[in-house]
PDB file of N, CA and C in Angstrom:
ATOM      1  N   MET A   1      37.728   7.585  12.477  1.00  0.00           N
ATOM      2  CA  MET A   1      37.314   6.556  11.921  1.00  0.00           C
ATOM      3  C   MET A   1      35.468   5.657  12.251  1.00  0.00           C
ATOM      4  N   GLN A   2      35.485   6.459  13.617  1.00  0.00           N
ATOM      5  CA  GLN A   2      34.120   5.376  14.160  1.00  0.00           C
ATOM      6  C   GLN A   2      32.653   6.260  13.370  1.00  0.00           C
ATOM      7  N   LYS A   3      32.806   7.531  12.619  1.00  0.00           N
ATOM      8  CA  LYS A   3      31.985   8.341  12.064  1.00  0.00           C
ATOM      9  C   LYS A   3      32.308   7.608  10.106  1.00  0.00           C
ATOM     10  N   LEU A   4      33.478   7.576  10.006  1.00  0.00           N
ATOM     11  CA  LEU A   4      33.766   7.649   8.670  1.00  0.00           C
ATOM     12  C   LEU A   4      33.579   6.029   8.107  1.00  0.00           C
ATOM     13  N   VAL A   5      33.773   5.248   9.217  1.00  0.00           N
ATOM     14  CA  VAL A   5      33.508   3.745   8.324  1.00  0.00           C
ATOM     15  C   VAL A   5      31.367   3.423   8.285  1.00  0.00           C
ATOM     16  N   PRO A   6      31.294   3.891   9.207  1.00  0.00           N
ATOM     17  CA  PRO A   6      29.822   3.626   9.045  1.00  0.00           C
ATOM     18  C   PRO A   6      28.994   4.211   8.022  1.00  0.00           C
ATOM     19  N   PHE A   7      29.163   5.753   7.624  1.00  0.00           N
ATOM     20  CA  PHE A   7      28.964   6.749   6.709  1.00  0.00           C
ATOM     21  C   PHE A   7      29.460   6.304   5.260  1.00  0.00           C
ATOM     22  N   LEU A   8      30.429   5.469   5.351  1.00  0.00           N
ATOM     23  CA  LEU A   8      30.713   4.765   3.841  1.00  0.00           C
ATOM     24  C   LEU A   8      30.022   3.653   3.799  1.00  0.00           C
ATOM     25  N   LEU A   9      29.285   3.084   4.640  1.00  0.00           N
ATOM     26  CA  LEU A   9      28.761   1.532   4.374  1.00  0.00           C
ATOM     27  C   LEU A   9      27.608   2.080   4.247  1.00  0.00           C
ATOM     28  N   LEU A  10      26.933   2.676   4.960  1.00  0.00           N
ATOM     29  CA  LEU A  10      25.413   3.380   4.680  1.00  0.00           C
ATOM     30  C   LEU A  10      25.928   4.100   2.878  1.00  0.00           C
ATOM     31  N   LEU A  11      26.490   5.024   3.036  1.00  0.00           N
ATOM     32  CA  LEU A  11      26.763   5.064   1.795  1.00  0.00           C
ATOM     33  C   LEU A  11      26.170   4.068   0.593  1.00  0.00           C
ATOM     34  N   ILE A  12      27.135   3.170   0.483  1.00  0.00           N
ATOM     35  CA  ILE A  12      27.384   2.004  -0.704  1.00  0.00           C
ATOM     36  C   ILE A  12      25.784   0.806   0.002  1.00  0.00           C
ATOM     37  N   TRP A  13      25.602   1.289   1.306  1.00  0.00           N
ATOM     38  CA  TRP A  13      24.414   0.423   0.784  1.00  0.00           C
ATOM     39  C   TRP A  13      23.161   1.083   0.486  1.00  0.00           C
ATOM     40  N   PHE A  14      23.039   2.564   0.723  1.00  0.00           N
ATOM     41  CA  PHE A  14      21.994   3.019  -0.429  1.00  0.00           C
ATOM     42  C   PHE A  14      22.010   3.357  -1.691  1.00  0.00           C
ATOM     43  N   PHE A  15      23.195   3.377  -2.356  1.00  0.00           N
ATOM     44  CA  PHE A  15      23.260   3.482  -4.254  1.00  0.00           C
ATOM     45  C   PHE A  15      23.444   1.916  -4.549  1.00  0.00           C
ATOM     46  N   THR A  16      23.306   0.731  -3.582  1.00  0.00           N
ATOM     47  CA  THR A  16      22.968  -0.406  -4.071  1.00  0.00           C
ATOM     48  C   THR A  16      21.673  -1.216  -3.743  1.00  0.00           C
ATOM     49  N   ASN A  17      21.132  -0.864  -2.890  1.00  0.00           N
ATOM     50  CA  ASN A  17      19.661  -1.006  -2.513  1.00  0.00           C
ATOM     51  C   ASN A  17      18.913  -0.785  -3.389  1.00  0.00           C
ATOM     52  N   LYS A  18      18.257  -1.870  -3.982  1.00  0.00           N
ATOM     53  CA  LYS A  18      17.260  -1.630  -4.651  1.00  0.00           C
ATOM     54  C   LYS A  18      15.535  -2.279  -3.705  1.00  0.00           C
ATOM     55  N   HIS A  19      15.353  -2.179  -3.027  1.00  0.00           N
ATOM     56  CA  HIS A  19      14.040  -1.963  -2.356  1.00  0.00           C
ATOM     57  C   HIS A  19      13.852  -0.230  -2.391  1.00  0.00           C
ATOM     58  N   TRP A  20      11.954  -0.446  -2.217  1.00  0.00           N
ATOM     59  CA  TRP A  20      11.505   0.519  -2.206  1.00  0.00           C
ATOM     60  C   TRP A  20      11.644   1.538  -0.885  1.00  0.00           C
ATOM     61  N   TRP A  21      12.023   0.959   0.059  1.00  0.00           N
ATOM     62  CA  TRP A  21      12.414   1.777   1.071  1.00  0.00           C
ATOM     63  C   TRP A  21      14.114   2.072   1.562  1.00  0.00           C
ATOM     64  N   TYR A  22      14.430   2.248   0.412  1.00  0.00           N
ATOM     65  CA  TYR A  22      16.018   2.919   0.362  1.00  0.00           C
ATOM     66  C   TYR A  22      16.107   3.897   1.198  1.00  0.00           C
ATOM     67  N   HIS A  23      15.295   5.056   0.628  1.00  0.00           N
ATOM     68  CA  HIS A  23      15.206   6.229   1.124  1.00  0.00           C
ATOM     69  C   HIS A  23      15.605   6.324   2.786  1.00  0.00           C
ATOM     70  N   ILE A  24      14.764   5.383   3.453  1.00  0.00           N
ATOM     71  CA  ILE A  24      14.884   6.272   4.954  1.00  0.00           C
ATOM     72  C   ILE A  24      16.582   6.052   5.116  1.00  0.00           C
ATOM     73  N   ILE A  25      17.334   5.018   4.917  1.00  0.00           N
ATOM     74  CA  ILE A  25      18.855   5.244   5.017  1.00  0.00           C
ATOM     75  C   ILE A  25      19.312   6.619   4.809  1.00  0.00           C
ATOM     76  N   LEU A  26      18.715   7.619   4.140  1.00  0.00           N
ATOM     77  CA  LEU A  26      19.217   8.801   4.472  1.00  0.00           C
ATOM     78  C   LEU A  26      19.244   9.065   5.652  1.00  0.00           C
ATOM     79  N   VAL A  27      18.582   9.279   6.825  1.00  0.00           N
ATOM     80  CA  VAL A  27      18.420   9.272   8.248  1.00  0.00           C
ATOM     81  C   VAL A  27      20.049   9.444   8.523  1.00  0.00           C
ATOM     82  N   PRO A  28      20.004   7.690   8.600  1.00  0.00           N
ATOM     83  CA  PRO A  28      21.671   7.902   9.600  1.00  0.00           C
ATOM     84  C   PRO A  28      23.072   8.281   8.535  1.00  0.00           C
ATOM     85  N   ILE A  29      22.152   8.035   7.171  1.00  0.00           N
ATOM     86  CA  ILE A  29      23.467   9.090   6.140  1.00  0.00           C
ATOM     87  C   ILE A  29      23.712  10.327   6.924  1.00  0.00           C
ATOM     88  N   ILE A  30      22.512  11.073   6.734  1.00  0.00           N
ATOM     89  CA  ILE A  30      22.736  12.268   7.272  1.00  0.00           C
ATOM     90  C   ILE A  30      23.571  13.035   8.381  1.00  0.00           C
ATOM     91  N   MET A  31      22.656  12.129   9.306  1.00  0.00           N
ATOM     92  CA  MET A  31      23.300  12.368  10.781  1.00  0.00           C
ATOM     93  C   MET A  31      24.774  11.790  11.161  1.00  0.00           C
ATOM     94  N   TYR A  32      25.395  11.047  10.327  1.00  0.00           N
ATOM     95  CA  TYR A  32      27.114  10.700  10.343  1.00  0.00           C
ATOM     96  C   TYR A  32      27.559  12.181   9.757  1.00  0.00           C
ATOM     97  N   ALA A  33      26.892  12.244   8.673  1.00  0.00           N
ATOM     98  CA  ALA A  33      27.433  13.571   7.783  1.00  0.00           C
ATOM     99  C   ALA A  33      27.557  14.854   9.008  1.00  0.00           C
ATOM    100  N   PHE A  34      26.536  14.931   9.765  1.00  0.00           N
ATOM    101  CA  PHE A  34      26.837  16.212  10.390  1.00  0.00           C
ATOM    102  C   PHE A  34      27.480  16.190  11.461  1.00  0.00           C
ATOM    103  N   GLN A  35      28.026  14.997  11.526  1.00  0.00           N
ATOM    104  CA  GLN A  35      28.688  14.057  13.012  1.00  0.00           C
ATOM    105  C   GLN A  35      30.058  14.571  12.354  1.00  0.00           C
ATOM    106  N   ILE A  36      30.479  14.136  11.361  1.00  0.00           N
ATOM    107  CA  ILE A  36      31.389  13.962  10.709  1.00  0.00           C
ATOM    108  C   ILE A  36      32.247  15.477  10.737  1.00  0.00           C
ATOM    109  N   PHE A  37      31.252  16.579  10.042  1.00  0.00           N
ATOM    110  CA  PHE A  37      31.300  17.863   9.536  1.00  0.00           C
ATOM    111  C   PHE A  37      31.636  18.560  10.916  1.00  0.00           C
ATOM    112  N   GLY A  38      30.985  18.419  12.071  1.00  0.00           N
ATOM    113  CA  GLY A  38      31.444  18.812  13.356  1.00  0.00           C
ATOM    114  C   GLY A  38      32.403  18.465  13.870  1.00  0.00           C
ATOM    115  N   THR A  39      32.703  17.133  13.831  1.00  0.00           N
ATOM    116  CA  THR A  39      34.196  16.991  14.139  1.00  0.00           C
ATOM    117  C   THR A  39      35.309  17.992  13.576  1.00  0.00           C
ATOM    118  N   PHE A  40      35.226  18.220  12.294  1.00  0.00           N
ATOM    119  CA  PHE A  40      36.206  19.171  11.657  1.00  0.00           C
ATOM    120  C   PHE A  40      36.167  20.677  11.811  1.00  0.00           C
ATOM    121  N   SER A  41      34.573  21.176  12.320  1.00  0.00           N
ATOM    122  CA  SER A  41      34.424  22.571  12.484  1.00  0.00           C
ATOM    123  C   SER A  41      34.065  22.767  13.951  1.00  0.00           C
ATOM    124  N   THR A  42      34.964  22.107  14.679  1.00  0.00           N
ATOM    125  CA  THR A  42      34.044  22.114  16.318  1.00  0.00           C
ATOM    126  C   THR A  42      35.388  22.569  16.800  1.00  0.00           C
ATOM    127  N   GLU A  43      35.306  23.851  17.381  1.00  0.00           N
ATOM    128  CA  GLU A  43      36.164  24.686  18.298  1.00  0.00           C
ATOM    129  C   GLU A  43      36.535  24.318  19.685  1.00  0.00           C
ATOM    130  N   THR A  44      35.189  23.636  20.159  1.00  0.00           N
ATOM    131  CA  THR A  44      34.920  23.566  21.404  1.00  0.00           C
ATOM    132  C   THR A  44      35.243  21.864  22.451  1.00  0.00           C
ATOM    133  N   GLY A  45      35.284  21.373  20.989  1.00  0.00           N
ATOM    134  CA  GLY A  45      35.837  20.279  21.429  1.00  0.00           C
ATOM    135  C   GLY A  45      34.722  18.913  21.946  1.00  0.00           C
ATOM    136  N   ILE A  46      33.671  19.414  21.504  1.00  0.00           N
ATOM    137  CA  ILE A  46      32.068  18.959  21.775  1.00  0.00           C
ATOM    138  C   ILE A  46      32.027  18.198  20.707  1.00  0.00           C
ATOM    139  N   ILE A  47      31.737  16.603  20.839  1.00  0.00           N
ATOM    140  CA  ILE A  47      31.480  16.365  19.358  1.00  0.00           C
ATOM    141  C   ILE A  47      29.859  15.283  19.549  1.00  0.00           C
ATOM    142  N   ASP A  48      29.142  15.320  18.944  1.00  0.00           N
ATOM    143  CA  ASP A  48      27.677  14.607  19.068  1.00  0.00           C
ATOM    144  C   ASP A  48      26.679  15.298  20.050  1.00  0.00           C
ATOM    145  N   ASP A  49      26.603  16.702  19.950  1.00  0.00           N
ATOM    146  CA  ASP A  49      26.102  17.364  21.043  1.00  0.00           C
ATOM    147  C   ASP A  49      24.843  17.685  20.305  1.00  0.00           C
ATOM    148  N   VAL A  50      24.597  18.238  19.422  1.00  0.00           N
ATOM    149  CA  VAL A  50      23.553  19.161  18.853  1.00  0.00           C
ATOM    150  C   VAL A  50      22.784  18.370  17.467  1.00  0.00           C
ATOM    151  N   GLU A  51      23.855  17.881  16.790  1.00  0.00           N
ATOM    152  CA  GLU A  51      23.334  17.073  15.454  1.00  0.00           C
ATOM    153  C   GLU A  51      22.066  16.779  15.194  1.00  0.00           C
ATOM    154  N   ILE A  52      21.785  16.180  16.600  1.00  0.00           N
ATOM    155  CA  ILE A  52      20.296  15.257  16.401  1.00  0.00           C
ATOM    156  C   ILE A  52      19.381  16.223  16.130  1.00  0.00           C
ATOM    157  N   TYR A  53      19.196  17.608  16.379  1.00  0.00           N
ATOM    158  CA  TYR A  53      18.523  18.673  16.315  1.00  0.00           C
ATOM    159  C   TYR A  53      18.347  19.321  14.974  1.00  0.00           C
ATOM    160  N   TYR A  54      19.444  18.893  14.191  1.00  0.00           N
ATOM    161  CA  TYR A  54      19.262  19.263  12.577  1.00  0.00           C
ATOM    162  C   TYR A  54      18.731  18.300  12.000  1.00  0.00           C
ATOM    163  N   LEU A  55      19.015  17.095  12.391  1.00  0.00           N
ATOM    164  CA  LEU A  55      18.052  16.188  11.682  1.00  0.00           C
ATOM    165  C   LEU A  55      17.127  16.206  11.583  1.00  0.00           C
ATOM    166  N   PHE A  56      16.227  16.630  12.971  1.00  0.00           N
ATOM    167  CA  PHE A  56      14.665  16.306  13.015  1.00  0.00           C
ATOM    168  C   PHE A  56      14.091  16.847  11.704  1.00  0.00           C
ATOM    169  N   PRO A  57      14.203  18.053  11.738  1.00  0.00           N
ATOM    170  CA  PRO A  57      13.290  18.790   9.900  1.00  0.00           C
ATOM    171  C   PRO A  57      13.613  17.693   8.533  1.00  0.00           C
ATOM    172  N   ILE A  58      14.306  17.066   8.630  1.00  0.00           N
ATOM    173  CA  ILE A  58      14.863  16.150   7.634  1.00  0.00           C
ATOM    174  C   ILE A  58      14.001  14.528   7.985  1.00  0.00           C
ATOM    175  N   MET A  59      14.021  14.290   8.954  1.00  0.00           N
ATOM    176  CA  MET A  59      13.444  13.218   9.488  1.00  0.00           C
ATOM    177  C   MET A  59      11.960  13.150   9.289  1.00  0.00           C
ATOM    178  N   MET A  60      11.304  14.773   9.281  1.00  0.00           N
ATOM    179  CA  MET A  60       9.690  14.549   9.422  1.00  0.00           C
ATOM    180  C   MET A  60       9.691  14.750   8.024  1.00  0.00           C
ATOM    181  N   ILE A  61      10.831  15.205   6.900  1.00  0.00           N
ATOM    182  CA  ILE A  61      10.152  14.911   5.187  1.00  0.00           C
ATOM    183  C   ILE A  61      10.571  13.740   5.167  1.00  0.00           C
ATOM    184  N   ILE A  62      11.540  12.932   5.228  1.00  0.00           N
ATOM    185  CA  ILE A  62      11.596  11.872   4.589  1.00  0.00           C
ATOM    186  C   ILE A  62      10.813  10.549   5.160  1.00  0.00           C
ATOM    187  N   ILE A  63      11.029  10.267   6.271  1.00  0.00           N
ATOM    188  CA  ILE A  63       9.962   9.654   7.314  1.00  0.00           C
ATOM    189  C   ILE A  63       8.409   9.482   6.664  1.00  0.00           C
ATOM    190  N   PRO A  64       7.401  10.465   6.765  1.00  0.00           N
ATOM    191  CA  PRO A  64       6.119  10.277   5.888  1.00  0.00           C
ATOM    192  C   PRO A  64       6.319  10.363   4.106  1.00  0.00           C
ATOM    193  N   PHE A  65       7.338  11.036   3.703  1.00  0.00           N
ATOM    194  CA  PHE A  65       7.350  10.307   2.257  1.00  0.00           C
ATOM    195  C   PHE A  65       7.464   8.714   2.124  1.00  0.00           C
ATOM    196  N   VAL A  66       8.719   8.502   2.732  1.00  0.00           N
ATOM    197  CA  VAL A  66       8.626   6.259   2.368  1.00  0.00           C
ATOM    198  C   VAL A  66       7.418   5.649   2.992  1.00  0.00           C
ATOM    199  N   TYR A  67       6.882   6.422   4.335  1.00  0.00           N
ATOM    200  CA  TYR A  67       5.809   5.874   4.769  1.00  0.00           C
ATOM    201  C   TYR A  67       4.447   5.746   3.542  1.00  0.00           C
ATOM    202  N   TRP A  68       4.414   6.675   3.149  1.00  0.00           N
ATOM    203  CA  TRP A  68       3.161   7.006   2.149  1.00  0.00           C
ATOM    204  C   TRP A  68       3.422   6.113   0.870  1.00  0.00           C
ATOM    205  N   ILE A  69       4.920   6.042   0.408  1.00  0.00           N
ATOM    206  CA  ILE A  69       5.409   5.439  -0.496  1.00  0.00           C
ATOM    207  C   ILE A  69       4.957   3.579  -0.291  1.00  0.00           C
ATOM    208  N   ARG A  70       5.102   3.437   0.839  1.00  0.00           N
ATOM    209  CA  ARG A  70       4.937   1.447   1.705  1.00  0.00           C
ATOM    210  C   ARG A  70       3.717   1.772   1.506  1.00  0.00           C
ATOM    211  N   LEU A  71       3.040   2.545   1.971  1.00  0.00           N
ATOM    212  CA  LEU A  71       0.967   2.190   2.029  1.00  0.00           C
ATOM    213  C   LEU A  71       0.701   2.245   0.560  1.00  0.00           C
ATOM    214  N   ARG A  72       1.077   3.248  -0.743  1.00  0.00           N
ATOM    215  CA  ARG A  72       0.394   3.211  -1.813  1.00  0.00           C
ATOM    216  C   ARG A  72       1.217   1.664  -2.583  1.00  0.00           C
ATOM    217  N   LEU A  73       2.260   1.298  -2.085  1.00  0.00           N
ATOM    218  CA  LEU A  73       2.768  -0.247  -2.789  1.00  0.00           C
ATOM    219  C   LEU A  73       1.813  -1.412  -2.085  1.00  0.00           C
ATOM    220  N   PHE A  74       1.570  -1.170  -0.865  1.00  0.00           N
ATOM    221  CA  PHE A  74       1.078  -2.075  -0.213  1.00  0.00           C
ATOM    222  C   PHE A  74      -0.261  -2.044  -0.400  1.00  0.00           C
ATOM    223  N   ASP A  75      -1.001  -1.750  -0.198  1.00  0.00           N
ATOM    224  CA  ASP A  75      -2.266  -1.121  -0.988  1.00  0.00           C
ATOM    225  C   ASP A  75      -2.408  -1.955  -3.048  1.00  0.00           C
ATOM    226  N   LYS A  76      -1.626  -1.267  -3.401  1.00  0.00           N
ATOM    227  CA  LYS A  76      -1.515  -2.004  -4.820  1.00  0.00           C
ATOM    228  C   LYS A  76      -0.927  -3.318  -4.879  1.00  0.00           C
ATOM    229  N   LEU A  77       0.157  -3.495  -3.960  1.00  0.00           N
ATOM    230  CA  LEU A  77       0.358  -5.528  -4.599  1.00  0.00           C
ATOM    231  C   LEU A  77      -0.408  -6.530  -3.291  1.00  0.00           C
ATOM    232  N   VAL A  78      -0.604  -5.750  -2.610  1.00  0.00           N
ATOM    233  CA  VAL A  78      -0.729  -6.745  -1.459  1.00  0.00           C
ATOM    234  C   VAL A  78      -2.450  -6.820  -1.470  1.00  0.00           C
ATOM    235  N   TYR A  79      -3.336  -5.921  -1.198  1.00  0.00           N
ATOM    236  CA  TYR A  79      -4.760  -5.815  -1.394  1.00  0.00           C
ATOM    237  C   TYR A  79      -5.303  -5.766  -2.660  1.00  0.00           C
ATOM    238  N   GLY A  80      -4.435  -5.426  -3.719  1.00  0.00           N
ATOM    239  CA  GLY A  80      -4.939  -5.761  -4.754  1.00  0.00           C
ATOM    240  C   GLY A  80      -5.844  -4.057  -5.205  1.00  0.00           C
ATOM    241  N   ILE A  81      -5.494  -2.927  -4.495  1.00  0.00           N
ATOM    242  CA  ILE A  81      -6.713  -1.788  -4.665  1.00  0.00           C
ATOM    243  C   ILE A  81      -5.713  -0.572  -5.539  1.00  0.00           C
ATOM    244  N   ASP A  82      -6.566  -0.309  -6.846  1.00  0.00           N
ATOM    245  CA  ASP A  82      -5.524   0.568  -7.544  1.00  0.00           C
ATOM    246  C   ASP A  82      -6.956   1.813  -7.647  1.00  0.00           C
ATOM    247  N   LEU A  83      -5.907   2.937  -6.520  1.00  0.00           N
ATOM    248  CA  LEU A  83      -6.320   4.250  -6.168  1.00  0.00           C
ATOM    249  C   LEU A  83      -7.230   5.183  -7.235  1.00  0.00           C
ATOM    250  N   LYS A  84      -7.172   4.266  -8.669  1.00  0.00           N
ATOM    251  CA  LYS A  84      -7.408   5.162  -9.993  1.00  0.00           C
ATOM    252  C   LYS A  84      -8.536   4.266 -10.367  1.00  0.00           C
ATOM    253  N   GLU A  85      -8.542   3.058 -10.007  1.00  0.00           N
ATOM    254  CA  GLU A  85      -9.640   2.326 -10.548  1.00  0.00           C
ATOM    255  C   GLU A  85     -10.934   2.940  -9.540  1.00  0.00           C
ATOM    256  N   ILE A  86     -10.556   2.930  -8.230  1.00  0.00           N
ATOM    257  CA  ILE A  86     -11.661   3.625  -7.179  1.00  0.00           C
ATOM    258  C   ILE A  86     -12.400   4.871  -7.625  1.00  0.00           C
ATOM    259  N   GLU A  87     -11.348   5.519  -8.065  1.00  0.00           N
ATOM    260  CA  GLU A  87     -11.958   6.753  -8.637  1.00  0.00           C
ATOM    261  C   GLU A  87     -12.490   7.016  -9.776  1.00  0.00           C
ATOM    262  N   ARG A  88     -12.468   6.306 -10.618  1.00  0.00           N
ATOM    263  CA  ARG A  88     -13.280   5.890 -12.040  1.00  0.00           C
ATOM    264  C   ARG A  88     -14.698   5.503 -12.039  1.00  0.00           C
ATOM    265  N   GLU A  89     -13.991   4.379 -10.531  1.00  0.00           N
ATOM    266  CA  GLU A  89     -15.799   3.600 -10.411  1.00  0.00           C
ATOM    267  C   GLU A  89     -16.930   4.822  -9.471  1.00  0.00           C
ATOM    268  N   LEU A  90     -15.888   6.006  -8.417  1.00  0.00           N
ATOM    269  CA  LEU A  90     -17.254   6.808  -7.875  1.00  0.00           C
ATOM    270  C   LEU A  90     -16.707   7.874  -8.887  1.00  0.00           C
ATOM    271  N   ASP A  91     -16.192   8.317 -10.101  1.00  0.00           N
ATOM    272  CA  ASP A  91     -16.896   9.180 -10.950  1.00  0.00           C
ATOM    273  C   ASP A  91     -18.384   8.512 -11.572  1.00  0.00           C
ATOM    274  N   GLU A  92     -18.059   7.396 -12.391  1.00  0.00           N
ATOM    275  CA  GLU A  92     -19.076   6.773 -12.865  1.00  0.00           C
ATOM    276  C   GLU A  92     -20.714   6.443 -11.374  1.00  0.00           C
ATOM    277  N   TYR A  93     -20.461   6.776 -10.682  1.00  0.00           N
ATOM    278  CA  TYR A  93     -21.615   6.116  -9.683  1.00  0.00           C
ATOM    279  C   TYR A  93     -22.207   7.969  -9.518  1.00  0.00           C
ATOM    280  N   LYS A  94     -21.282   8.754  -9.451  1.00  0.00           N
ATOM    281  CA  LYS A  94     -21.394  10.284  -9.682  1.00  0.00           C
ATOM    282  C   LYS A  94     -22.405  11.015 -10.703  1.00  0.00           C
ATOM    283  N   GLU A  95     -21.666  10.309 -11.604  1.00  0.00           N
ATOM    284  CA  GLU A  95     -22.501  10.579 -13.157  1.00  0.00           C
ATOM    285  C   GLU A  95     -24.147  10.069 -13.022  1.00  0.00           C
ATOM    286  N   LYS A  96     -24.025   8.573 -12.851  1.00  0.00           N
ATOM    287  CA  LYS A  96     -25.792   8.012 -12.349  1.00  0.00           C
ATOM    288  C   LYS A  96     -26.698   8.529 -11.585  1.00  0.00           C
ATOM    289  N   GLU A  97     -25.799   9.321 -10.227  1.00  0.00           N
ATOM    290  CA  GLU A  97     -26.731  10.375  -9.545  1.00  0.00           C
ATOM    291  C   GLU A  97     -27.114  11.097 -10.323  1.00  0.00           C
ATOM    292  N   ARG A  98     -26.221  11.970 -11.268  1.00  0.00           N
ATOM    293  CA  ARG A  98     -26.865  13.376 -11.994  1.00  0.00           C
ATOM    294  C   ARG A  98     -27.427  12.791 -12.509  1.00  0.00           C
ATOM    295  N   ALA A  99     -27.405  11.699 -13.844  1.00  0.00           N
ATOM    296  CA  ALA A  99     -28.605  11.541 -14.365  1.00  0.00           C
ATOM    297  C   ALA A  99     -29.597  11.304 -13.545  1.00  0.00           C
ATOM    298  N   GLU A 100     -29.954  10.140 -12.436  1.00  0.00           N
ATOM    299  CA  GLU A 100     -30.916  10.331 -11.733  1.00  0.00           C
ATOM    300  C   GLU A 100     -31.810  11.487 -11.249  1.00  0.00           C
ATOM    301  N   LYS A 101     -30.909  12.227 -10.885  1.00  0.00           N
ATOM    302  CA  LYS A 101     -31.888  13.509 -10.389  1.00  0.00           C
ATOM    303  C   LYS A 101     -32.431  14.011 -11.429  1.00  0.00           C
ATOM    304  N   LYS A 102     -31.478  13.856 -12.817  1.00  0.00           N
ATOM    305  CA  LYS A 102     -32.205  15.067 -13.588  1.00  0.00           C
ATOM    306  C   LYS A 102     -33.358  14.465 -14.022  1.00  0.00           C
ATOM    307  N   ARG A 103     -33.655  12.749 -14.110  1.00  0.00           N
ATOM    308  CA  ARG A 103     -34.698  12.270 -14.830  1.00  0.00           C
ATOM    309  C   ARG A 103     -35.562  12.811 -14.092  1.00  0.00           C
ATOM    310  N   ARG A 104     -35.433  12.413 -12.643  1.00  0.00           N
ATOM    311  CA  ARG A 104     -36.680  12.987 -11.724  1.00  0.00           C
ATOM    312  C   ARG A 104     -37.046  14.185 -11.623  1.00  0.00           C
ATOM    313  N   GLU A 105     -36.045  15.671 -11.979  1.00  0.00           N
ATOM    314  CA  GLU A 105     -36.809  16.616 -12.000  1.00  0.00           C
ATOM    315  C   GLU A 105     -37.587  16.449 -13.362  1.00  0.00           C
ATOM    316  N   GLU A 106     -37.002  15.972 -14.679  1.00  0.00           N
ATOM    317  CA  GLU A 106     -37.586  16.191 -15.408  1.00  0.00           C
ATOM    318  C   GLU A 106     -39.132  15.915 -15.586  1.00  0.00           C
ATOM    319  N   GLU A 107     -39.478  14.429 -14.997  1.00  0.00           N
ATOM    320  CA  GLU A 107     -40.664  13.907 -14.675  1.00  0.00           C
ATOM    321  C   GLU A 107     -41.318  14.459 -13.669  1.00  0.00           C
ATOM    322  N   ARG A 108     -40.659  15.590 -12.576  1.00  0.00           N
ATOM    323  CA  ARG A 108     -41.561  16.659 -11.699  1.00  0.00           C
ATOM    324  C   ARG A 108     -42.068  17.939 -12.548  1.00  0.00           C
ATOM    325  N   LYS A 109     -41.611  18.062 -13.160  1.00  0.00           N
ATOM    326  CA  LYS A 109     -41.595  18.825 -14.378  1.00  0.00           C
ATOM    327  C   LYS A 109     -42.863  18.925 -15.396  1.00  0.00           C
ATOM    328  N   LYS A 110     -42.908  17.453 -15.829  1.00  0.00           N
ATOM    329  CA  LYS A 110     -43.839  16.828 -16.827  1.00  0.00           C
ATOM    330  C   LYS A 110     -45.032  16.822 -15.719  1.00  0.00           C
ATOM    331  N   ARG A 111     -45.183  16.597 -14.506  1.00  0.00           N
ATOM    332  CA  ARG A 111     -45.970  16.534 -13.834  1.00  0.00           C
ATOM    333  C   ARG A 111     -46.877  17.680 -13.380  1.00  0.00           C
ATOM    334  N   LEU A 112     -45.854  18.478 -13.352  1.00  0.00           N
ATOM    335  CA  LEU A 112     -46.548  19.787 -13.117  1.00  0.00           C
ATOM    336  C   LEU A 112     -47.474  20.371 -14.278  1.00  0.00           C
ATOM    337  N   SER A 113     -46.765  20.407 -15.254  1.00  0.00           N
ATOM    338  CA  SER A 113     -47.565  21.022 -16.818  1.00  0.00           C
ATOM    339  C   SER A 113     -48.395  19.852 -16.979  1.00  0.00           C
ATOM    340  N   ASP A 114     -48.791  18.861 -16.559  1.00  0.00           N
ATOM    341  CA  ASP A 114     -49.829  18.274 -16.631  1.00  0.00           C
ATOM    342  C   ASP A 114     -51.337  18.505 -16.025  1.00  0.00           C
ATOM    343  N   ILE A 115     -50.574  18.864 -14.808  1.00  0.00           N
ATOM    344  CA  ILE A 115     -51.768  19.571 -13.611  1.00  0.00           C
ATOM    345  C   ILE A 115     -52.403  20.581 -13.969  1.00  0.00           C
ATOM    346  N   HIS A 116     -51.310  21.555 -14.672  1.00  0.00           N
ATOM    347  CA  HIS A 116     -51.817  22.858 -15.202  1.00  0.00           C
ATOM    348  C   HIS A 116     -52.303  22.786 -16.769  1.00  0.00           C
TER     349      HIS A 116
END
């Protein structure tokens, strides 16, 4: 019961949560699931010994993903930074640079042709 009750409460919280960070709740849910599975499948009687090692690879995927989502939302909602708008402005700037370079190259060719 020590494993089952928190596991069920976390599942309820996960499925009813409306916040952006609710995927991080998967970490303790998976840990409790490993512990519950370990209590039923162990022959040695040792419980809660190595489950955390199985949880590390899962945490290495979930935590950076949730942090990336947080950064995107924080930048957009708090700072008003829209990455697509920044990309569009950078593309416009690069296009202006190319046009200016092309204009200078044409002027240089014209001056060279006038000299000869």
